[in-house]
Amino acid sequence: MKNPMGVKKVKHNNQEDFYEGSEQLYKYFSSVKLAELTDGGVVTDFSDIADKIRGILALEGDREARIKAWKDSGLVEQDVVYDASDWEKSKNDFPSLEHSEEVVNTSVYKFHQAAAYHRCYVLKELLSQHGVVVY
């Protein structure tokens, strides 16, 4: 049966897509880190960690097994703790700001603005370029 809308089907390889995304994020954050280093520090080249990343992405397991693989890899900080409620609670500080326009300088506001922009871009521009239309 012919596709009635002429939309092409796109096949994804999640491991390869996530690997490519990991590489691009690593390169971006490395360039930011290099710009901040003033003591001659060195950032590891992605090719030095590529095999570890591929191994982690190939792991089939539940969430806890994948988290353990990342932690055991030596690629992530062990003491990093993320608590989404702390982030969301920071919005509770808005009423205490002297001027409402001060909100735009907060990290939580900037994040929500960026997320809204990204969502709109993905749904209305990026996906449509690949024949996926979201109404």
Protein backbone atom coordinates (compact mmCIF):
# COMPACT_ATOMS: atom_id res chain seq x y z
CA MET A 1 0.00 0.00 0.00
CA LYS A 2 1.36 3.38 -0.98
CA ASN A 3 1.76 5.96 1.73
CA PRO A 4 -1.22 8.29 1.13
CA MET A 5 0.52 11.47 2.29
CA GLY A 6 3.87 10.79 0.67
CA VAL A 7 5.52 10.80 4.07
CA LYS A 8 8.70 8.81 4.28
CA LYS A 9 9.23 6.35 7.08
CA VAL A 10 12.26 6.97 9.25
CA LYS A 11 14.07 4.12 10.93
CA HIS A 12 16.03 4.82 14.05
CA ASN A 13 18.87 3.03 15.73
CA ASN A 14 18.57 4.29 19.31
CA GLN A 15 22.07 3.20 20.30
CA GLU A 16 23.62 5.07 17.39
CA ASP A 17 21.36 8.11 17.88
CA PHE A 18 22.23 8.31 21.59
CA TYR A 19 25.91 7.72 20.85
CA GLU A 20 25.94 10.57 18.34
CA GLY A 21 24.06 12.77 20.80
CA SER A 22 26.53 11.88 23.55
CA GLU A 23 29.44 12.79 21.30
CA GLN A 24 27.97 16.14 20.33
CA LEU A 25 27.09 17.02 23.94
CA TYR A 26 30.56 16.00 25.07
CA LYS A 27 32.19 18.17 22.42
CA TYR A 28 30.01 21.14 23.36
CA PHE A 29 30.59 20.86 27.10
CA SER A 30 34.30 20.22 26.53
CA SER A 31 34.59 23.43 24.52
CA VAL A 32 32.88 25.33 27.34
CA LYS A 33 35.19 23.71 29.90
CA LEU A 34 38.29 24.50 27.81
CA ALA A 35 37.21 28.13 27.64
CA GLU A 36 36.95 28.20 31.46
CA LEU A 37 40.29 26.50 32.16
CA THR A 38 42.98 28.98 33.06
CA ASP A 39 45.44 26.57 34.66
CA GLY A 40 46.34 24.64 31.50
CA GLY A 41 43.97 21.79 32.34
CA VAL A 42 43.21 19.14 29.76
CA VAL A 43 39.86 17.81 28.60
CA THR A 44 39.81 14.16 27.55
CA ASP A 45 39.18 13.54 23.84
CA PHE A 46 35.88 11.80 23.11
CA SER A 47 37.65 8.97 21.28
CA ASP A 48 39.28 8.02 24.61
CA ILE A 49 35.88 7.27 26.17
CA ALA A 50 33.92 6.20 23.08
CA ASP A 51 34.15 2.45 23.78
CA LYS A 52 32.86 2.91 27.34
CA ILE A 53 29.93 4.98 26.06
CA ARG A 54 29.07 2.40 23.39
CA GLY A 55 29.18 -0.35 26.04
CA ILE A 56 26.84 1.52 28.36
CA LEU A 57 24.41 2.34 25.57
CA ALA A 58 24.39 -1.32 24.48
CA LEU A 59 23.51 -2.49 28.00
CA GLU A 60 20.10 -4.09 28.23
CA GLY A 61 18.73 -3.74 31.71
CA ASP A 62 16.38 -1.82 33.91
CA ARG A 63 16.91 1.77 34.98
CA GLU A 64 18.96 0.83 38.05
CA ALA A 65 21.29 -1.38 36.01
CA ARG A 66 21.90 1.43 33.52
CA ILE A 67 22.51 3.95 36.32
CA LYS A 68 24.98 1.53 37.91
CA ALA A 69 26.78 1.11 34.58
CA TRP A 70 27.21 4.87 34.26
CA LYS A 71 28.45 5.20 37.84
CA ASP A 72 30.83 2.24 37.50
CA SER A 73 32.27 3.61 34.25
CA GLY A 74 34.23 6.37 35.96
CA LEU A 75 32.75 8.86 33.50
CA VAL A 76 30.40 10.59 35.94
CA GLU A 77 30.81 12.22 39.31
CA GLN A 78 29.76 9.92 42.13
CA ASP A 79 28.50 12.59 44.50
CA VAL A 80 26.14 14.42 42.15
CA VAL A 81 22.60 14.39 43.50
CA TYR A 82 19.69 15.77 41.53
CA ASP A 83 16.45 16.53 43.27
CA ALA A 84 13.75 17.80 40.91
CA SER A 85 11.73 19.11 43.83
CA ASP A 86 14.57 21.49 44.79
CA TRP A 87 14.51 22.90 41.28
CA GLU A 88 10.76 23.34 41.26
CA LYS A 89 10.76 24.81 44.78
CA SER A 90 13.02 27.61 43.54
CA LYS A 91 9.93 29.02 41.80
CA ASN A 92 8.55 29.66 45.28
CA ASP A 93 11.18 32.41 45.64
CA PHE A 94 9.55 34.49 42.90
CA PRO A 95 7.17 36.39 45.22
CA SER A 96 10.08 37.51 47.39
CA LEU A 97 11.81 39.28 44.50
CA GLU A 98 11.58 43.04 44.74
CA HIS A 99 10.75 43.49 41.04
CA SER A 100 8.89 40.97 38.92
CA GLU A 101 11.35 41.42 36.05
CA GLU A 102 14.02 39.85 38.26
CA VAL A 103 12.37 36.49 37.55
CA VAL A 104 13.88 36.44 34.05
CA ASN A 105 17.36 36.25 35.56
CA THR A 106 16.66 33.05 37.51
CA SER A 107 17.90 29.68 36.31
CA VAL A 108 14.50 28.04 36.68
CA TYR A 109 12.83 30.70 34.52
CA LYS A 110 15.55 30.45 31.85
CA PHE A 111 15.23 26.67 31.83
CA HIS A 112 11.46 26.76 31.37
CA GLN A 113 11.79 29.34 28.59
CA ALA A 114 14.41 27.23 26.82
CA ALA A 115 12.31 24.07 27.22
CA ALA A 116 9.24 25.81 25.77
CA TYR A 117 11.27 27.12 22.82
CA HIS A 118 12.82 23.68 22.21
CA ARG A 119 9.44 21.94 22.35
CA CYS A 120 7.97 24.36 19.84
CA TYR A 121 10.99 24.00 17.54
CA VAL A 122 10.87 20.18 17.63
CA LEU A 123 7.09 19.91 17.16
CA LYS A 124 6.62 22.60 14.53
CA GLU A 125 9.90 22.82 12.62
CA LEU A 126 12.24 19.86 13.07
CA LEU A 127 9.68 17.07 12.83
CA SER A 128 7.93 18.64 9.85
CA GLN A 129 11.24 18.69 7.98
CA HIS A 130 11.19 14.91 8.28
CA GLY A 131 7.59 14.45 7.24
CA VAL A 132 6.18 14.20 10.76
CA VAL A 133 3.32 16.61 11.37
CA VAL A 134 2.05 17.25 14.89
CA TYR A 135 -1.13 19.26 15.33
